[in-house]
Amino acid sequence: MSQFPETLKTWRARRRLSQLDLSLEADVSTRHISFLETGRAQPSREMIGRLGDALQMPLDARNQMLTHAGFAVMYPGRKWNSGEMAPIRKAVDLTLANHMPFPGLALDRLWTIRQMNGSAAWLYGQFGVGIGDSLLDLLMSETLPSAIENWPDVARHAAARLRTESLRQGGVPEFDRVIRHLSSVDEATLTPPEPVVPTVIRMGENRLSMFATIAQFGTPEDVTLDDLKIELYFPMDAPSEALLRSMGRD
């Protein structure tokens, strides 16, 4: 029996949509949605595309829905180091290099570092983290709470971001494990809100305060690119900027 009906119902429930809601979003009759979910009707590839758009499904989940309906996958998942990805790696390298002397890095779906500039290598090297390591493991470590002045704020923000990404991807056990860990942080020490949540790191006698922006590819047709995120850090104050610029000259 096809797994498609159950997959469709699961994603509709994740998005908290009724059959009527989904029918309106996908421009399909409610009757047809019902028939798809009970197996009385079989979807076309075009219909799966419309449902994927309406449910805001990531590309790997759309591939899964296609295979569950008996179709071949539509979106490839090229290896990051493959020749086909060379222009993408070059674009990421250029972005990160142009961001020097401030830290910048590229993360995959599970927050594994794929590329980083020299400033990020220096910064994350203080915690023994480099290319190929996951920031999820760093968030679970005992190192950060003692190094980050505003750890409760950072932990709360990281947990909220992980919840958002887990929801988008339909549930990620690796994220949920870290969310549970971060949710145990005492919120009584939260600081008053600022325009953005900075990360304030104590480095010996120095204090480094930064905030981050996150960029993604606008029109990905590859599972690897759909998951890729570029994080660029900026100094929150003049002393932090001076520290980062001095590291860039060393």
C-alpha atoms as a PDB file:
ATOM      1  CA  MET A   1       0.000   0.000   0.000  1.00  0.00           C
ATOM      2  CA  SER A   2       1.267   3.503  -0.852  1.00  0.00           C
ATOM      3  CA  GLN A   3       2.717   5.556   2.019  1.00  0.00           C
ATOM      4  CA  PHE A   4       1.613   8.766   0.361  1.00  0.00           C
ATOM      5  CA  PRO A   5      -1.753   9.180   2.176  1.00  0.00           C
ATOM      6  CA  GLU A   6      -0.138   8.982   5.610  1.00  0.00           C
ATOM      7  CA  THR A   7       2.708  11.294   4.554  1.00  0.00           C
ATOM      8  CA  LEU A   8       0.227  13.902   3.350  1.00  0.00           C
ATOM      9  CA  LYS A   9      -1.822  13.693   6.549  1.00  0.00           C
ATOM     10  CA  THR A  10       1.310  13.976   8.676  1.00  0.00           C
ATOM     11  CA  TRP A  11       2.537  17.117   6.931  1.00  0.00           C
ATOM     12  CA  ARG A  12      -0.906  18.702   6.969  1.00  0.00           C
ATOM     13  CA  ALA A  13      -1.054  18.095  10.735  1.00  0.00           C
ATOM     14  CA  ARG A  14       2.439  19.553  11.190  1.00  0.00           C
ATOM     15  CA  ARG A  15       1.320  22.721   9.453  1.00  0.00           C
ATOM     16  CA  ARG A  16      -1.907  22.744  11.493  1.00  0.00           C
ATOM     17  CA  LEU A  17      -4.098  22.956   8.409  1.00  0.00           C
ATOM     18  CA  SER A  18      -7.544  21.481   7.966  1.00  0.00           C
ATOM     19  CA  GLN A  19      -8.391  19.747   4.707  1.00  0.00           C
ATOM     20  CA  LEU A  20     -10.290  22.895   3.752  1.00  0.00           C
ATOM     21  CA  ASP A  21      -7.268  25.092   4.543  1.00  0.00           C
ATOM     22  CA  LEU A  22      -5.000  22.905   2.438  1.00  0.00           C
ATOM     23  CA  SER A  23      -7.469  22.769  -0.436  1.00  0.00           C
ATOM     24  CA  LEU A  24      -7.575  26.570  -0.547  1.00  0.00           C
ATOM     25  CA  GLU A  25      -3.790  26.903  -0.373  1.00  0.00           C
ATOM     26  CA  ALA A  26      -3.225  24.303  -3.105  1.00  0.00           C
ATOM     27  CA  ASP A  27      -6.244  25.305  -5.215  1.00  0.00           C
ATOM     28  CA  VAL A  28      -7.646  21.777  -5.012  1.00  0.00           C
ATOM     29  CA  SER A  29     -11.093  20.657  -3.933  1.00  0.00           C
ATOM     30  CA  THR A  30     -11.539  19.487  -0.356  1.00  0.00           C
ATOM     31  CA  ARG A  31     -13.036  16.290  -1.760  1.00  0.00           C
ATOM     32  CA  HIS A  32      -9.836  15.564  -3.673  1.00  0.00           C
ATOM     33  CA  ILE A  33      -7.685  16.190  -0.589  1.00  0.00           C
ATOM     34  CA  SER A  34      -9.866  13.723   1.293  1.00  0.00           C
ATOM     35  CA  PHE A  35      -9.511  11.144  -1.484  1.00  0.00           C
ATOM     36  CA  LEU A  36      -5.724  11.588  -1.507  1.00  0.00           C
ATOM     37  CA  GLU A  37      -5.517  11.056   2.248  1.00  0.00           C
ATOM     38  CA  THR A  38      -7.658   7.910   2.156  1.00  0.00           C
ATOM     39  CA  GLY A  39      -5.917   6.451  -0.884  1.00  0.00           C
ATOM     40  CA  ARG A  40      -8.994   6.640  -3.079  1.00  0.00           C
ATOM     41  CA  ALA A  41      -7.133   8.950  -5.463  1.00  0.00           C
ATOM     42  CA  GLN A  42      -3.536   8.839  -6.663  1.00  0.00           C
ATOM     43  CA  PRO A  43      -1.558  12.096  -6.966  1.00  0.00           C
ATOM     44  CA  SER A  44       0.265  13.251 -10.066  1.00  0.00           C
ATOM     45  CA  ARG A  45       3.773  14.720  -9.868  1.00  0.00           C
ATOM     46  CA  GLU A  46       2.239  18.117 -10.545  1.00  0.00           C
ATOM     47  CA  MET A  47      -0.207  17.668  -7.674  1.00  0.00           C
ATOM     48  CA  ILE A  48       2.609  16.705  -5.300  1.00  0.00           C
ATOM     49  CA  GLY A  49       4.430  19.889  -6.323  1.00  0.00           C
ATOM     50  CA  ARG A  50       1.368  22.000  -5.532  1.00  0.00           C
ATOM     51  CA  LEU A  51       0.888  20.285  -2.187  1.00  0.00           C
ATOM     52  CA  GLY A  52       4.586  20.725  -1.371  1.00  0.00           C
ATOM     53  CA  ASP A  53       4.314  24.450  -2.067  1.00  0.00           C
ATOM     54  CA  ALA A  54       1.131  24.782  -0.009  1.00  0.00           C
ATOM     55  CA  LEU A  55       2.673  22.888   2.908  1.00  0.00           C
ATOM     56  CA  GLN A  56       6.004  24.761   2.607  1.00  0.00           C
ATOM     57  CA  MET A  57       7.864  21.468   2.595  1.00  0.00           C
ATOM     58  CA  PRO A  58      11.681  21.382   2.340  1.00  0.00           C
ATOM     59  CA  LEU A  59      13.093  19.727  -0.760  1.00  0.00           C
ATOM     60  CA  ASP A  60      14.141  16.471   0.918  1.00  0.00           C
ATOM     61  CA  ALA A  61      10.594  16.044   2.280  1.00  0.00           C
ATOM     62  CA  ARG A  62       9.183  16.640  -1.212  1.00  0.00           C
ATOM     63  CA  ASN A  63      11.485  13.933  -2.530  1.00  0.00           C
ATOM     64  CA  GLN A  64      10.179  11.591   0.152  1.00  0.00           C
ATOM     65  CA  MET A  65       6.578  12.369  -0.757  1.00  0.00           C
ATOM     66  CA  LEU A  66       7.346  11.665  -4.411  1.00  0.00           C
ATOM     67  CA  THR A  67       8.896   8.283  -3.638  1.00  0.00           C
ATOM     68  CA  HIS A  68       5.995   7.398  -1.350  1.00  0.00           C
ATOM     69  CA  ALA A  69       3.682   8.043  -4.301  1.00  0.00           C
ATOM     70  CA  GLY A  70       5.793   5.865  -6.600  1.00  0.00           C
ATOM     71  CA  PHE A  71       7.698   8.594  -8.451  1.00  0.00           C
ATOM     72  CA  ALA A  72      11.404   9.251  -8.829  1.00  0.00           C
ATOM     73  CA  VAL A  73      12.888  12.057  -6.745  1.00  0.00           C
ATOM     74  CA  MET A  74      12.884  15.513  -8.337  1.00  0.00           C
ATOM     75  CA  TYR A  75      15.576  17.298  -6.330  1.00  0.00           C
ATOM     76  CA  PRO A  76      19.128  15.900  -6.266  1.00  0.00           C
ATOM     77  CA  GLY A  77      21.360  16.061  -3.216  1.00  0.00           C
ATOM     78  CA  ARG A  78      24.808  16.700  -4.629  1.00  0.00           C
ATOM     79  CA  LYS A  79      27.907  16.163  -2.516  1.00  0.00           C
ATOM     80  CA  TRP A  80      29.310  19.406  -1.160  1.00  0.00           C
ATOM     81  CA  ASN A  81      32.764  18.643  -2.607  1.00  0.00           C
ATOM     82  CA  SER A  82      31.483  17.571  -6.028  1.00  0.00           C
ATOM     83  CA  GLY A  83      32.497  19.378  -9.225  1.00  0.00           C
ATOM     84  CA  GLU A  84      28.904  20.514  -9.798  1.00  0.00           C
ATOM     85  CA  MET A  85      28.995  22.412  -6.512  1.00  0.00           C
ATOM     86  CA  ALA A  86      32.251  24.233  -7.327  1.00  0.00           C
ATOM     87  CA  PRO A  87      30.496  27.519  -8.320  1.00  0.00           C
ATOM     88  CA  ILE A  88      28.498  27.393  -5.076  1.00  0.00           C
ATOM     89  CA  ARG A  89      31.592  26.781  -2.955  1.00  0.00           C
ATOM     90  CA  LYS A  90      33.315  29.652  -4.757  1.00  0.00           C
ATOM     91  CA  ALA A  91      30.393  31.973  -4.034  1.00  0.00           C
ATOM     92  CA  VAL A  92      30.413  30.980  -0.360  1.00  0.00           C
ATOM     93  CA  ASP A  93      34.202  31.416  -0.162  1.00  0.00           C
ATOM     94  CA  LEU A  94      33.901  34.879  -1.717  1.00  0.00           C
ATOM     95  CA  THR A  95      31.163  35.883   0.717  1.00  0.00           C
ATOM     96  CA  LEU A  96      33.145  34.700   3.724  1.00  0.00           C
ATOM     97  CA  ALA A  97      36.404  36.236   2.508  1.00  0.00           C
ATOM     98  CA  ASN A  98      34.749  39.599   1.891  1.00  0.00           C
ATOM     99  CA  HIS A  99      33.383  39.538   5.424  1.00  0.00           C
ATOM    100  CA  MET A 100      36.850  39.506   6.977  1.00  0.00           C
ATOM    101  CA  PRO A 101      37.959  40.559   9.558  1.00  0.00           C
ATOM    102  CA  PHE A 102      34.605  39.546  11.024  1.00  0.00           C
ATOM    103  CA  PRO A 103      33.668  35.870  11.493  1.00  0.00           C
ATOM    104  CA  GLY A 104      31.610  34.046   8.877  1.00  0.00           C
ATOM    105  CA  LEU A 105      30.786  30.402   8.277  1.00  0.00           C
ATOM    106  CA  ALA A 106      28.547  28.090   6.243  1.00  0.00           C
ATOM    107  CA  LEU A 107      26.415  25.459   8.000  1.00  0.00           C
ATOM    108  CA  ASP A 108      24.539  22.451   6.646  1.00  0.00           C
ATOM    109  CA  ARG A 109      21.181  21.051   7.778  1.00  0.00           C
ATOM    110  CA  LEU A 110      22.524  19.742  11.101  1.00  0.00           C
ATOM    111  CA  TRP A 111      24.664  22.820  11.790  1.00  0.00           C
ATOM    112  CA  THR A 112      27.884  21.145  10.688  1.00  0.00           C
ATOM    113  CA  ILE A 113      30.484  23.696   9.581  1.00  0.00           C
ATOM    114  CA  ARG A 114      31.199  23.326   5.850  1.00  0.00           C
ATOM    115  CA  GLN A 115      33.285  26.452   5.301  1.00  0.00           C
ATOM    116  CA  MET A 116      34.580  29.286   7.478  1.00  0.00           C
ATOM    117  CA  ASN A 117      36.797  32.322   7.107  1.00  0.00           C
ATOM    118  CA  GLY A 118      39.964  32.999   9.059  1.00  0.00           C
ATOM    119  CA  SER A 119      38.227  35.084  11.723  1.00  0.00           C
ATOM    120  CA  ALA A 120      35.677  32.325  12.389  1.00  0.00           C
ATOM    121  CA  ALA A 121      38.476  29.738  12.480  1.00  0.00           C
ATOM    122  CA  TRP A 122      40.214  31.809  15.153  1.00  0.00           C
ATOM    123  CA  LEU A 123      37.009  32.359  17.140  1.00  0.00           C
ATOM    124  CA  TYR A 124      35.712  28.789  17.089  1.00  0.00           C
ATOM    125  CA  GLY A 125      39.229  27.473  17.524  1.00  0.00           C
ATOM    126  CA  GLN A 126      39.054  28.854  21.075  1.00  0.00           C
ATOM    127  CA  PHE A 127      36.468  26.113  21.696  1.00  0.00           C
ATOM    128  CA  GLY A 128      38.223  23.386  19.707  1.00  0.00           C
ATOM    129  CA  VAL A 129      35.722  23.595  16.855  1.00  0.00           C
ATOM    130  CA  GLY A 130      36.530  23.667  13.139  1.00  0.00           C
ATOM    131  CA  ILE A 131      35.328  22.580   9.707  1.00  0.00           C
ATOM    132  CA  GLY A 132      33.449  19.278   9.930  1.00  0.00           C
ATOM    133  CA  ASP A 133      32.339  19.867  13.521  1.00  0.00           C
ATOM    134  CA  SER A 134      28.718  20.486  14.526  1.00  0.00           C
ATOM    135  CA  LEU A 135      27.604  23.542  16.462  1.00  0.00           C
ATOM    136  CA  LEU A 136      24.941  21.314  18.029  1.00  0.00           C
ATOM    137  CA  ASP A 137      27.696  19.514  19.932  1.00  0.00           C
ATOM    138  CA  LEU A 138      29.149  22.853  21.019  1.00  0.00           C
ATOM    139  CA  LEU A 139      25.742  23.972  22.350  1.00  0.00           C
ATOM    140  CA  MET A 140      25.572  20.757  24.380  1.00  0.00           C
ATOM    141  CA  SER A 141      29.071  21.192  25.819  1.00  0.00           C
ATOM    142  CA  GLU A 142      29.950  22.541  29.254  1.00  0.00           C
ATOM    143  CA  THR A 143      32.270  25.127  27.698  1.00  0.00           C
ATOM    144  CA  LEU A 144      29.829  27.782  26.529  1.00  0.00           C
ATOM    145  CA  PRO A 145      27.966  28.618  29.778  1.00  0.00           C
ATOM    146  CA  SER A 146      31.200  29.707  31.444  1.00  0.00           C
ATOM    147  CA  ALA A 147      32.551  31.532  28.371  1.00  0.00           C
ATOM    148  CA  ILE A 148      29.421  33.471  27.363  1.00  0.00           C
ATOM    149  CA  GLU A 149      28.372  36.280  29.695  1.00  0.00           C
ATOM    150  CA  ASN A 150      24.736  36.272  28.615  1.00  0.00           C
ATOM    151  CA  TRP A 151      24.397  32.507  28.244  1.00  0.00           C
ATOM    152  CA  PRO A 152      20.673  32.393  29.234  1.00  0.00           C
ATOM    153  CA  ASP A 153      19.832  34.861  26.455  1.00  0.00           C
ATOM    154  CA  VAL A 154      21.932  32.998  23.901  1.00  0.00           C
ATOM    155  CA  ALA A 155      20.533  29.613  24.971  1.00  0.00           C
ATOM    156  CA  ARG A 156      16.936  30.860  24.725  1.00  0.00           C
ATOM    157  CA  HIS A 157      17.548  32.331  21.291  1.00  0.00           C
ATOM    158  CA  ALA A 158      19.312  29.180  20.042  1.00  0.00           C
ATOM    159  CA  ALA A 159      16.461  26.974  21.308  1.00  0.00           C
ATOM    160  CA  ALA A 160      13.887  29.170  19.555  1.00  0.00           C
ATOM    161  CA  ARG A 161      15.826  29.012  16.291  1.00  0.00           C
ATOM    162  CA  LEU A 162      16.169  25.237  16.556  1.00  0.00           C
ATOM    163  CA  ARG A 163      12.417  24.891  17.149  1.00  0.00           C
ATOM    164  CA  THR A 164      11.720  26.946  14.027  1.00  0.00           C
ATOM    165  CA  GLU A 165      14.103  24.901  11.893  1.00  0.00           C
ATOM    166  CA  SER A 166      12.803  21.615  13.300  1.00  0.00           C
ATOM    167  CA  LEU A 167       9.241  22.649  12.493  1.00  0.00           C
ATOM    168  CA  ARG A 168      10.190  23.624   8.945  1.00  0.00           C
ATOM    169  CA  GLN A 169      11.916  20.293   8.379  1.00  0.00           C
ATOM    170  CA  GLY A 170       9.100  18.246   9.875  1.00  0.00           C
ATOM    171  CA  GLY A 171      10.902  17.348  13.097  1.00  0.00           C
ATOM    172  CA  VAL A 172      14.630  16.776  13.640  1.00  0.00           C
ATOM    173  CA  PRO A 173      15.575  14.520  16.610  1.00  0.00           C
ATOM    174  CA  GLU A 174      19.068  16.041  16.783  1.00  0.00           C
ATOM    175  CA  PHE A 175      17.537  19.502  17.218  1.00  0.00           C
ATOM    176  CA  ASP A 176      14.985  18.299  19.757  1.00  0.00           C
ATOM    177  CA  ARG A 177      17.765  16.839  21.931  1.00  0.00           C
ATOM    178  CA  VAL A 178      19.581  20.181  22.043  1.00  0.00           C
ATOM    179  CA  ILE A 179      16.325  22.083  22.637  1.00  0.00           C
ATOM    180  CA  ARG A 180      15.635  19.980  25.733  1.00  0.00           C
ATOM    181  CA  HIS A 181      19.151  20.674  26.993  1.00  0.00           C
ATOM    182  CA  LEU A 182      18.909  24.433  26.414  1.00  0.00           C
ATOM    183  CA  SER A 183      15.425  24.626  27.916  1.00  0.00           C
ATOM    184  CA  SER A 184      16.902  23.710  31.300  1.00  0.00           C
ATOM    185  CA  VAL A 185      18.864  26.989  31.444  1.00  0.00           C
ATOM    186  CA  ASP A 186      17.731  29.290  34.247  1.00  0.00           C
ATOM    187  CA  GLU A 187      15.811  32.184  32.668  1.00  0.00           C
ATOM    188  CA  ALA A 188      15.894  34.223  35.895  1.00  0.00           C
ATOM    189  CA  THR A 189      19.171  35.765  34.743  1.00  0.00           C
ATOM    190  CA  LEU A 190      17.880  37.000  31.385  1.00  0.00           C
ATOM    191  CA  THR A 191      19.071  40.498  30.538  1.00  0.00           C
ATOM    192  CA  PRO A 192      16.818  43.316  29.244  1.00  0.00           C
ATOM    193  CA  PRO A 193      16.092  42.909  25.522  1.00  0.00           C
ATOM    194  CA  GLU A 194      18.215  44.670  22.892  1.00  0.00           C
ATOM    195  CA  PRO A 195      17.408  45.174  19.186  1.00  0.00           C
ATOM    196  CA  VAL A 196      19.131  41.824  18.514  1.00  0.00           C
ATOM    197  CA  VAL A 197      20.414  39.111  20.843  1.00  0.00           C
ATOM    198  CA  PRO A 198      24.210  39.462  20.972  1.00  0.00           C
ATOM    199  CA  THR A 199      26.660  36.766  21.976  1.00  0.00           C
ATOM    200  CA  VAL A 200      29.018  38.209  24.589  1.00  0.00           C
ATOM    201  CA  ILE A 201      32.188  36.137  25.002  1.00  0.00           C
ATOM    202  CA  ARG A 202      34.812  36.621  27.681  1.00  0.00           C
ATOM    203  CA  MET A 203      38.287  35.996  26.235  1.00  0.00           C
ATOM    204  CA  GLY A 204      40.810  36.608  28.993  1.00  0.00           C
ATOM    205  CA  GLU A 205      40.784  40.360  29.620  1.00  0.00           C
ATOM    206  CA  ASN A 206      38.816  40.984  26.432  1.00  0.00           C
ATOM    207  CA  ARG A 207      35.077  41.095  25.938  1.00  0.00           C
ATOM    208  CA  LEU A 208      33.747  40.218  22.469  1.00  0.00           C
ATOM    209  CA  SER A 209      30.118  41.125  21.724  1.00  0.00           C
ATOM    210  CA  MET A 210      28.630  40.118  18.353  1.00  0.00           C
ATOM    211  CA  PHE A 211      25.332  39.548  16.580  1.00  0.00           C
ATOM    212  CA  ALA A 212      24.672  37.408  13.509  1.00  0.00           C
ATOM    213  CA  THR A 213      22.811  37.584  10.228  1.00  0.00           C
ATOM    214  CA  ILE A 214      21.776  34.434   8.362  1.00  0.00           C
ATOM    215  CA  ALA A 215      21.598  34.111   4.578  1.00  0.00           C
ATOM    216  CA  GLN A 216      20.332  31.271   2.372  1.00  0.00           C
ATOM    217  CA  PHE A 217      20.162  30.634  -1.359  1.00  0.00           C
ATOM    218  CA  GLY A 218      16.999  32.138  -2.796  1.00  0.00           C
ATOM    219  CA  THR A 219      16.048  29.546  -5.437  1.00  0.00           C
ATOM    220  CA  PRO A 220      17.564  26.187  -4.465  1.00  0.00           C
ATOM    221  CA  GLU A 221      16.782  23.150  -6.608  1.00  0.00           C
ATOM    222  CA  ASP A 222      19.187  20.897  -4.721  1.00  0.00           C
ATOM    223  CA  VAL A 223      18.646  19.385  -1.280  1.00  0.00           C
ATOM    224  CA  THR A 224      22.158  20.371  -0.151  1.00  0.00           C
ATOM    225  CA  LEU A 225      21.595  24.032  -1.051  1.00  0.00           C
ATOM    226  CA  ASP A 226      18.113  24.036   0.458  1.00  0.00           C
ATOM    227  CA  ASP A 227      19.717  23.273   3.809  1.00  0.00           C
ATOM    228  CA  LEU A 228      22.802  25.500   3.544  1.00  0.00           C
ATOM    229  CA  LYS A 229      22.988  28.608   5.737  1.00  0.00           C
ATOM    230  CA  ILE A 230      25.644  31.318   5.778  1.00  0.00           C
ATOM    231  CA  GLU A 231      26.124  33.031   9.144  1.00  0.00           C
ATOM    232  CA  LEU A 232      27.906  36.363   9.244  1.00  0.00           C
ATOM    233  CA  TYR A 233      28.862  37.896  12.591  1.00  0.00           C
ATOM    234  CA  PHE A 234      29.166  41.610  13.249  1.00  0.00           C
ATOM    235  CA  PRO A 235      30.641  43.467  16.243  1.00  0.00           C
ATOM    236  CA  MET A 236      28.089  44.939  18.628  1.00  0.00           C
ATOM    237  CA  ASP A 237      30.366  47.724  19.866  1.00  0.00           C
ATOM    238  CA  ALA A 238      33.584  49.569  19.088  1.00  0.00           C
ATOM    239  CA  PRO A 239      35.873  47.534  21.432  1.00  0.00           C
ATOM    240  CA  SER A 240      34.618  44.280  19.850  1.00  0.00           C
ATOM    241  CA  GLU A 241      35.274  45.643  16.368  1.00  0.00           C
ATOM    242  CA  ALA A 242      38.788  46.693  17.392  1.00  0.00           C
ATOM    243  CA  LEU A 243      39.479  43.229  18.814  1.00  0.00           C
ATOM    244  CA  LEU A 244      38.329  41.473  15.646  1.00  0.00           C
ATOM    245  CA  ARG A 245      40.326  43.816  13.441  1.00  0.00           C
ATOM    246  CA  SER A 246      43.431  43.235  15.544  1.00  0.00           C
ATOM    247  CA  MET A 247      43.003  39.469  15.200  1.00  0.00           C
ATOM    248  CA  GLY A 248      42.790  39.934  11.438  1.00  0.00           C
ATOM    249  CA  ARG A 249      46.193  41.619  11.408  1.00  0.00           C
ATOM    250  CA  ASP A 250      47.910  38.878  13.422  1.00  0.00           C
END
